[in-house]
PDB file of N, CA and C in Angstrom:
ATOM      1  N   MET A   1    -140.694   1.592  45.105  1.00  0.00           N
ATOM      2  CA  MET A   1    -140.392   2.245  43.841  1.00  0.00           C
ATOM      3  C   MET A   1    -140.522   3.798  44.045  1.00  0.00           C
ATOM      4  N   ALA A   2    -139.555   4.524  43.600  1.00  0.00           N
ATOM      5  CA  ALA A   2    -139.553   5.946  43.741  1.00  0.00           C
ATOM      6  C   ALA A   2    -140.675   6.543  42.883  1.00  0.00           C
ATOM      7  N   GLU A   3    -141.151   7.753  43.274  1.00  0.00           N
ATOM      8  CA  GLU A   3    -142.228   8.368  42.573  1.00  0.00           C
ATOM      9  C   GLU A   3    -141.962   8.601  41.066  1.00  0.00           C
ATOM     10  N   LEU A   4    -140.732   9.044  40.710  1.00  0.00           N
ATOM     11  CA  LEU A   4    -140.477   9.252  39.315  1.00  0.00           C
ATOM     12  C   LEU A   4    -140.487   7.960  38.548  1.00  0.00           C
ATOM     13  N   ASP A   5    -140.078   6.860  39.169  1.00  0.00           N
ATOM     14  CA  ASP A   5    -140.154   5.537  38.535  1.00  0.00           C
ATOM     15  C   ASP A   5    -141.580   5.101  38.238  1.00  0.00           C
ATOM     16  N   LYS A   6    -142.438   5.474  39.227  1.00  0.00           N
ATOM     17  CA  LYS A   6    -143.925   5.161  39.011  1.00  0.00           C
ATOM     18  C   LYS A   6    -144.429   6.006  37.834  1.00  0.00           C
ATOM     19  N   VAL A   7    -144.058   7.248  37.814  1.00  0.00           N
ATOM     20  CA  VAL A   7    -144.529   8.091  36.705  1.00  0.00           C
ATOM     21  C   VAL A   7    -144.061   7.564  35.423  1.00  0.00           C
ATOM     22  N   ARG A   8    -142.764   7.196  35.346  1.00  0.00           N
ATOM     23  CA  ARG A   8    -142.174   6.650  34.064  1.00  0.00           C
ATOM     24  C   ARG A   8    -142.941   5.362  33.705  1.00  0.00           C
ATOM     25  N   TRP A   9    -143.299   4.583  34.651  1.00  0.00           N
ATOM     26  CA  TRP A   9    -144.093   3.335  34.284  1.00  0.00           C
ATOM     27  C   TRP A   9    -145.498   3.682  33.735  1.00  0.00           C
ATOM     28  N   HIS A  10    -146.076   4.722  34.264  1.00  0.00           N
ATOM     29  CA  HIS A  10    -147.424   5.106  33.784  1.00  0.00           C
ATOM     30  C   HIS A  10    -147.326   5.806  32.382  1.00  0.00           C
ATOM     31  N   CYS A  11    -146.043   6.223  31.968  1.00  0.00           N
ATOM     32  CA  CYS A  11    -145.953   6.669  30.624  1.00  0.00           C
ATOM     33  C   CYS A  11    -145.916   5.565  29.574  1.00  0.00           C
ATOM     34  N   ARG A  12    -145.829   4.326  29.951  1.00  0.00           N
ATOM     35  CA  ARG A  12    -145.877   3.252  28.958  1.00  0.00           C
ATOM     36  C   ARG A  12    -147.364   3.122  28.545  1.00  0.00           C
ATOM     37  N   ARG A  13    -147.641   3.466  27.317  1.00  0.00           N
ATOM     38  CA  ARG A  13    -148.991   3.482  26.821  1.00  0.00           C
ATOM     39  C   ARG A  13    -149.218   2.452  25.724  1.00  0.00           C
ATOM     40  N   GLY A  14    -150.382   2.437  25.178  1.00  0.00           N
ATOM     41  CA  GLY A  14    -150.843   1.499  24.188  1.00  0.00           C
ATOM     42  C   GLY A  14    -150.624   2.052  22.782  1.00  0.00           C
ATOM     43  N   LEU A  15    -150.263   3.316  22.605  1.00  0.00           N
ATOM     44  CA  LEU A  15    -150.070   3.941  21.262  1.00  0.00           C
ATOM     45  C   LEU A  15    -148.567   4.278  21.122  1.00  0.00           C
ATOM     46  N   LEU A  16    -148.019   3.708  20.063  1.00  0.00           N
ATOM     47  CA  LEU A  16    -146.578   3.974  19.855  1.00  0.00           C
ATOM     48  C   LEU A  16    -146.298   5.500  19.773  1.00  0.00           C
ATOM     49  N   GLU A  17    -147.228   6.269  19.038  1.00  0.00           N
ATOM     50  CA  GLU A  17    -146.839   7.713  18.841  1.00  0.00           C
ATOM     51  C   GLU A  17    -146.810   8.388  20.282  1.00  0.00           C
ATOM     52  N   LEU A  18    -147.724   8.004  21.202  1.00  0.00           N
ATOM     53  CA  LEU A  18    -147.755   8.560  22.492  1.00  0.00           C
ATOM     54  C   LEU A  18    -146.555   8.130  23.284  1.00  0.00           C
ATOM     55  N   ASP A  19    -146.180   6.872  23.152  1.00  0.00           N
ATOM     56  CA  ASP A  19    -145.043   6.379  23.875  1.00  0.00           C
ATOM     57  C   ASP A  19    -143.751   7.180  23.446  1.00  0.00           C
ATOM     58  N   ILE A  20    -143.599   7.497  22.209  1.00  0.00           N
ATOM     59  CA  ILE A  20    -142.397   8.252  21.738  1.00  0.00           C
ATOM     60  C   ILE A  20    -142.423   9.634  22.277  1.00  0.00           C
ATOM     61  N   ILE A  21    -143.628  10.331  22.255  1.00  0.00           N
ATOM     62  CA  ILE A  21    -143.691  11.681  22.912  1.00  0.00           C
ATOM     63  C   ILE A  21    -143.400  11.644  24.310  1.00  0.00           C
ATOM     64  N   LEU A  22    -143.985  10.729  25.038  1.00  0.00           N
ATOM     65  CA  LEU A  22    -143.743  10.718  26.537  1.00  0.00           C
ATOM     66  C   LEU A  22    -142.321  10.294  26.889  1.00  0.00           C
ATOM     67  N   GLU A  23    -141.770   9.474  26.124  1.00  0.00           N
ATOM     68  CA  GLU A  23    -140.345   9.143  26.346  1.00  0.00           C
ATOM     69  C   GLU A  23    -139.409  10.338  26.168  1.00  0.00           C
ATOM     70  N   ARG A  24    -139.702  11.043  25.098  1.00  0.00           N
ATOM     71  CA  ARG A  24    -138.848  12.225  24.836  1.00  0.00           C
ATOM     72  C   ARG A  24    -139.024  13.265  25.927  1.00  0.00           C
ATOM     73  N   PHE A  25    -140.303  13.437  26.351  1.00  0.00           N
ATOM     74  CA  PHE A  25    -140.690  14.359  27.465  1.00  0.00           C
ATOM     75  C   PHE A  25    -139.906  13.927  28.785  1.00  0.00           C
ATOM     76  N   ASN A  26    -139.931  12.631  29.046  1.00  0.00           N
ATOM     77  CA  ASN A  26    -139.248  12.040  30.217  1.00  0.00           C
ATOM     78  C   ASN A  26    -137.743  12.434  30.239  1.00  0.00           C
ATOM     79  N   ARG A  27    -137.121  12.248  29.108  1.00  0.00           N
ATOM     80  CA  ARG A  27    -135.673  12.533  29.013  1.00  0.00           C
ATOM     81  C   ARG A  27    -135.361  13.962  29.199  1.00  0.00           C
ATOM     82  N   GLN A  28    -136.282  14.814  28.648  1.00  0.00           N
ATOM     83  CA  GLN A  28    -136.018  16.258  28.728  1.00  0.00           C
ATOM     84  C   GLN A  28    -136.451  16.965  29.938  1.00  0.00           C
ATOM     85  N   HIS A  29    -137.562  16.533  30.557  1.00  0.00           N
ATOM     86  CA  HIS A  29    -138.209  17.361  31.562  1.00  0.00           C
ATOM     87  C   HIS A  29    -138.506  16.635  32.905  1.00  0.00           C
ATOM     88  N   LEU A  30    -138.699  15.403  32.977  1.00  0.00           N
ATOM     89  CA  LEU A  30    -139.286  14.751  34.113  1.00  0.00           C
ATOM     90  C   LEU A  30    -138.459  15.023  35.399  1.00  0.00           C
ATOM     91  N   ALA A  31    -137.221  14.959  35.294  1.00  0.00           N
ATOM     92  CA  ALA A  31    -136.323  14.993  36.538  1.00  0.00           C
ATOM     93  C   ALA A  31    -136.281  16.402  37.032  1.00  0.00           C
ATOM     94  N   VAL A  32    -136.705  17.425  36.328  1.00  0.00           N
ATOM     95  CA  VAL A  32    -136.533  18.812  36.783  1.00  0.00           C
ATOM     96  C   VAL A  32    -137.985  19.458  36.998  1.00  0.00           C
ATOM     97  N   LEU A  33    -139.092  18.687  37.004  1.00  0.00           N
ATOM     98  CA  LEU A  33    -140.295  19.284  37.244  1.00  0.00           C
ATOM     99  C   LEU A  33    -140.492  19.559  38.671  1.00  0.00           C
ATOM    100  N   ALA A  34    -141.077  20.748  38.885  1.00  0.00           N
ATOM    101  CA  ALA A  34    -141.464  21.118  40.320  1.00  0.00           C
ATOM    102  C   ALA A  34    -142.597  20.181  40.817  1.00  0.00           C
ATOM    103  N   PRO A  35    -142.784  19.993  42.107  1.00  0.00           N
ATOM    104  CA  PRO A  35    -143.787  19.115  42.641  1.00  0.00           C
ATOM    105  C   PRO A  35    -145.146  19.334  42.035  1.00  0.00           C
ATOM    106  N   GLY A  36    -145.589  20.663  41.906  1.00  0.00           N
ATOM    107  CA  GLY A  36    -146.877  20.999  41.311  1.00  0.00           C
ATOM    108  C   GLY A  36    -146.920  20.566  39.800  1.00  0.00           C
ATOM    109  N   GLN A  37    -145.836  20.789  39.073  1.00  0.00           N
ATOM    110  CA  GLN A  37    -145.857  20.342  37.738  1.00  0.00           C
ATOM    111  C   GLN A  37    -145.994  18.811  37.608  1.00  0.00           C
ATOM    112  N   LEU A  38    -145.345  18.102  38.468  1.00  0.00           N
ATOM    113  CA  LEU A  38    -145.403  16.652  38.462  1.00  0.00           C
ATOM    114  C   LEU A  38    -146.856  16.211  38.684  1.00  0.00           C
ATOM    115  N   GLU A  39    -147.567  16.858  39.644  1.00  0.00           N
ATOM    116  CA  GLU A  39    -148.939  16.463  39.841  1.00  0.00           C
ATOM    117  C   GLU A  39    -149.757  16.786  38.590  1.00  0.00           C
ATOM    118  N   GLN A  40    -149.456  17.869  37.955  1.00  0.00           N
ATOM    119  CA  GLN A  40    -150.244  18.218  36.733  1.00  0.00           C
ATOM    120  C   GLN A  40    -149.962  17.119  35.623  1.00  0.00           C
ATOM    121  N   PHE A  41    -148.784  16.697  35.560  1.00  0.00           N
ATOM    122  CA  PHE A  41    -148.295  15.683  34.561  1.00  0.00           C
ATOM    123  C   PHE A  41    -149.119  14.403  34.857  1.00  0.00           C
ATOM    124  N   LYS A  42    -149.126  14.092  36.139  1.00  0.00           N
ATOM    125  CA  LYS A  42    -149.784  12.807  36.550  1.00  0.00           C
ATOM    126  C   LYS A  42    -151.325  12.876  36.196  1.00  0.00           C
ATOM    127  N   GLU A  43    -151.894  14.107  36.347  1.00  0.00           N
ATOM    128  CA  GLU A  43    -153.307  14.299  35.932  1.00  0.00           C
ATOM    129  C   GLU A  43    -153.479  14.008  34.473  1.00  0.00           C
ATOM    130  N   LEU A  44    -152.581  14.515  33.674  1.00  0.00           N
ATOM    131  CA  LEU A  44    -152.690  14.269  32.244  1.00  0.00           C
ATOM    132  C   LEU A  44    -152.495  12.803  31.890  1.00  0.00           C
ATOM    133  N   LEU A  45    -151.608  12.169  32.570  1.00  0.00           N
ATOM    134  CA  LEU A  45    -151.401  10.722  32.441  1.00  0.00           C
ATOM    135  C   LEU A  45    -152.591   9.889  32.743  1.00  0.00           C
ATOM    136  N   ALA A  46    -153.478  10.416  33.578  1.00  0.00           N
ATOM    137  CA  ALA A  46    -154.669   9.678  33.930  1.00  0.00           C
ATOM    138  C   ALA A  46    -155.679   9.629  32.796  1.00  0.00           C
ATOM    139  N   LEU A  47    -155.525  10.551  31.845  1.00  0.00           N
ATOM    140  CA  LEU A  47    -156.409  10.488  30.607  1.00  0.00           C
ATOM    141  C   LEU A  47    -156.235   9.239  29.884  1.00  0.00           C
ATOM    142  N   ASP A  48    -157.236   8.882  29.049  1.00  0.00           N
ATOM    143  CA  ASP A  48    -157.072   7.705  28.140  1.00  0.00           C
ATOM    144  C   ASP A  48    -156.011   8.047  27.041  1.00  0.00           C
ATOM    145  N   ASP A  49    -155.493   7.064  26.472  1.00  0.00           N
ATOM    146  CA  ASP A  49    -154.453   7.223  25.467  1.00  0.00           C
ATOM    147  C   ASP A  49    -154.871   8.144  24.318  1.00  0.00           C
ATOM    148  N   ASN A  50    -155.984   7.832  23.712  1.00  0.00           N
ATOM    149  CA  ASN A  50    -156.512   8.623  22.538  1.00  0.00           C
ATOM    150  C   ASN A  50    -156.647  10.060  22.888  1.00  0.00           C
ATOM    151  N   HIS A  51    -157.355  10.327  24.003  1.00  0.00           N
ATOM    152  CA  HIS A  51    -157.625  11.651  24.352  1.00  0.00           C
ATOM    153  C   HIS A  51    -156.296  12.471  24.671  1.00  0.00           C
ATOM    154  N   LEU A  52    -155.403  11.838  25.335  1.00  0.00           N
ATOM    155  CA  LEU A  52    -154.050  12.514  25.618  1.00  0.00           C
ATOM    156  C   LEU A  52    -153.368  12.838  24.341  1.00  0.00           C
ATOM    157  N   LEU A  53    -153.326  11.865  23.532  1.00  0.00           N
ATOM    158  CA  LEU A  53    -152.623  12.104  22.162  1.00  0.00           C
ATOM    159  C   LEU A  53    -153.292  13.220  21.413  1.00  0.00           C
ATOM    160  N   ASP A  54    -154.663  13.167  21.362  1.00  0.00           N
ATOM    161  CA  ASP A  54    -155.323  14.328  20.658  1.00  0.00           C
ATOM    162  C   ASP A  54    -155.047  15.682  21.265  1.00  0.00           C
ATOM    163  N   LEU A  55    -154.958  15.709  22.512  1.00  0.00           N
ATOM    164  CA  LEU A  55    -154.557  16.998  23.244  1.00  0.00           C
ATOM    165  C   LEU A  55    -153.178  17.477  22.808  1.00  0.00           C
ATOM    166  N   ILE A  56    -152.242  16.561  22.879  1.00  0.00           N
ATOM    167  CA  ILE A  56    -150.850  16.829  22.588  1.00  0.00           C
ATOM    168  C   ILE A  56    -150.717  17.346  21.154  1.00  0.00           C
ATOM    169  N   LEU A  57    -151.448  16.675  20.216  1.00  0.00           N
ATOM    170  CA  LEU A  57    -151.373  17.018  18.823  1.00  0.00           C
ATOM    171  C   LEU A  57    -152.189  18.193  18.434  1.00  0.00           C
ATOM    172  N   GLY A  58    -153.032  18.731  19.369  1.00  0.00           N
ATOM    173  CA  GLY A  58    -153.834  19.841  19.158  1.00  0.00           C
ATOM    174  C   GLY A  58    -155.113  19.524  18.444  1.00  0.00           C
ATOM    175  N   ARG A  59    -155.534  18.330  18.395  1.00  0.00           N
ATOM    176  CA  ARG A  59    -156.826  17.988  17.741  1.00  0.00           C
ATOM    177  C   ARG A  59    -157.946  18.127  18.716  1.00  0.00           C
ATOM    178  N   GLU A  60    -157.739  18.295  19.942  1.00  0.00           N
ATOM    179  CA  GLU A  60    -158.730  18.583  20.966  1.00  0.00           C
ATOM    180  C   GLU A  60    -158.216  19.729  21.850  1.00  0.00           C
ATOM    181  N   VAL A  61    -159.160  20.378  22.532  1.00  0.00           N
ATOM    182  CA  VAL A  61    -158.835  21.542  23.378  1.00  0.00           C
ATOM    183  C   VAL A  61    -158.930  21.049  24.769  1.00  0.00           C
ATOM    184  N   LEU A  62    -157.947  21.394  25.590  1.00  0.00           N
ATOM    185  CA  LEU A  62    -157.899  21.045  27.041  1.00  0.00           C
ATOM    186  C   LEU A  62    -158.808  22.043  27.766  1.00  0.00           C
ATOM    187  N   GLU A  63    -159.714  21.654  28.452  1.00  0.00           N
ATOM    188  CA  GLU A  63    -160.652  22.570  29.172  1.00  0.00           C
ATOM    189  C   GLU A  63    -160.049  22.970  30.455  1.00  0.00           C
ATOM    190  N   GLU A  64    -159.228  22.222  31.135  1.00  0.00           N
ATOM    191  CA  GLU A  64    -158.621  22.617  32.421  1.00  0.00           C
ATOM    192  C   GLU A  64    -157.479  23.560  32.170  1.00  0.00           C
ATOM    193  N   GLU A  65    -157.736  24.805  32.363  1.00  0.00           N
ATOM    194  CA  GLU A  65    -156.734  25.890  32.066  1.00  0.00           C
ATOM    195  C   GLU A  65    -155.425  25.690  32.887  1.00  0.00           C
ATOM    196  N   ARG A  66    -155.547  25.238  34.069  1.00  0.00           N
ATOM    197  CA  ARG A  66    -154.414  25.090  34.959  1.00  0.00           C
ATOM    198  C   ARG A  66    -153.456  24.055  34.421  1.00  0.00           C
ATOM    199  N   LEU A  67    -153.834  23.194  33.479  1.00  0.00           N
ATOM    200  CA  LEU A  67    -152.944  22.208  32.937  1.00  0.00           C
ATOM    201  C   LEU A  67    -152.354  22.582  31.596  1.00  0.00           C
ATOM    202  N   HIS A  68    -152.669  23.771  31.089  1.00  0.00           N
ATOM    203  CA  HIS A  68    -152.212  24.267  29.797  1.00  0.00           C
ATOM    204  C   HIS A  68    -150.638  24.286  29.737  1.00  0.00           C
ATOM    205  N   SER A  69    -150.012  24.779  30.811  1.00  0.00           N
ATOM    206  CA  SER A  69    -148.598  24.936  30.710  1.00  0.00           C
ATOM    207  C   SER A  69    -147.920  23.602  30.620  1.00  0.00           C
ATOM    208  N   MET A  70    -148.466  22.586  31.338  1.00  0.00           N
ATOM    209  CA  MET A  70    -147.857  21.222  31.239  1.00  0.00           C
ATOM    210  C   MET A  70    -148.190  20.651  29.806  1.00  0.00           C
ATOM    211  N   LEU A  71    -149.307  20.877  29.294  1.00  0.00           N
ATOM    212  CA  LEU A  71    -149.578  20.445  27.948  1.00  0.00           C
ATOM    213  C   LEU A  71    -148.649  21.084  26.961  1.00  0.00           C
ATOM    214  N   GLN A  72    -148.355  22.270  27.116  1.00  0.00           N
ATOM    215  CA  GLN A  72    -147.439  22.995  26.211  1.00  0.00           C
ATOM    216  C   GLN A  72    -146.017  22.364  26.337  1.00  0.00           C
ATOM    217  N   LEU A  73    -145.612  21.944  27.439  1.00  0.00           N
ATOM    218  CA  LEU A  73    -144.321  21.269  27.603  1.00  0.00           C
ATOM    219  C   LEU A  73    -144.359  19.889  26.843  1.00  0.00           C
ATOM    220  N   LEU A  74    -145.450  19.200  26.975  1.00  0.00           N
ATOM    221  CA  LEU A  74    -145.555  17.959  26.228  1.00  0.00           C
ATOM    222  C   LEU A  74    -145.607  18.179  24.790  1.00  0.00           C
ATOM    223  N   GLN A  75    -146.243  19.183  24.318  1.00  0.00           N
ATOM    224  CA  GLN A  75    -146.317  19.511  22.904  1.00  0.00           C
ATOM    225  C   GLN A  75    -144.945  19.837  22.362  1.00  0.00           C
ATOM    226  N   ALA A  76    -144.055  20.468  23.178  1.00  0.00           N
ATOM    227  CA  ALA A  76    -142.776  20.903  22.717  1.00  0.00           C
ATOM    228  C   ALA A  76    -141.746  19.691  22.699  1.00  0.00           C
ATOM    229  N   ALA A  77    -142.149  18.678  23.453  1.00  0.00           N
ATOM    230  CA  ALA A  77    -141.194  17.454  23.461  1.00  0.00           C
ATOM    231  C   ALA A  77    -141.131  16.779  22.161  1.00  0.00           C
TER     232      ALA A  77
END
């Protein structure tokens, strides 16, 4: 399985709201992410569903500053 296919598979989550956001992000950005950005995205995907959704919706603050630009892309999706 290609790396992007694996990432798409990991985007399938348990929260409908998060699934919708990640699907939109995949359509708009996934294919054109630089390798470093892809690694950042995978780090965010490693978070649990509720925490990731809270970060995207701005209900929590992301402490890892190096992931802020990727979070902003997710928020814009």
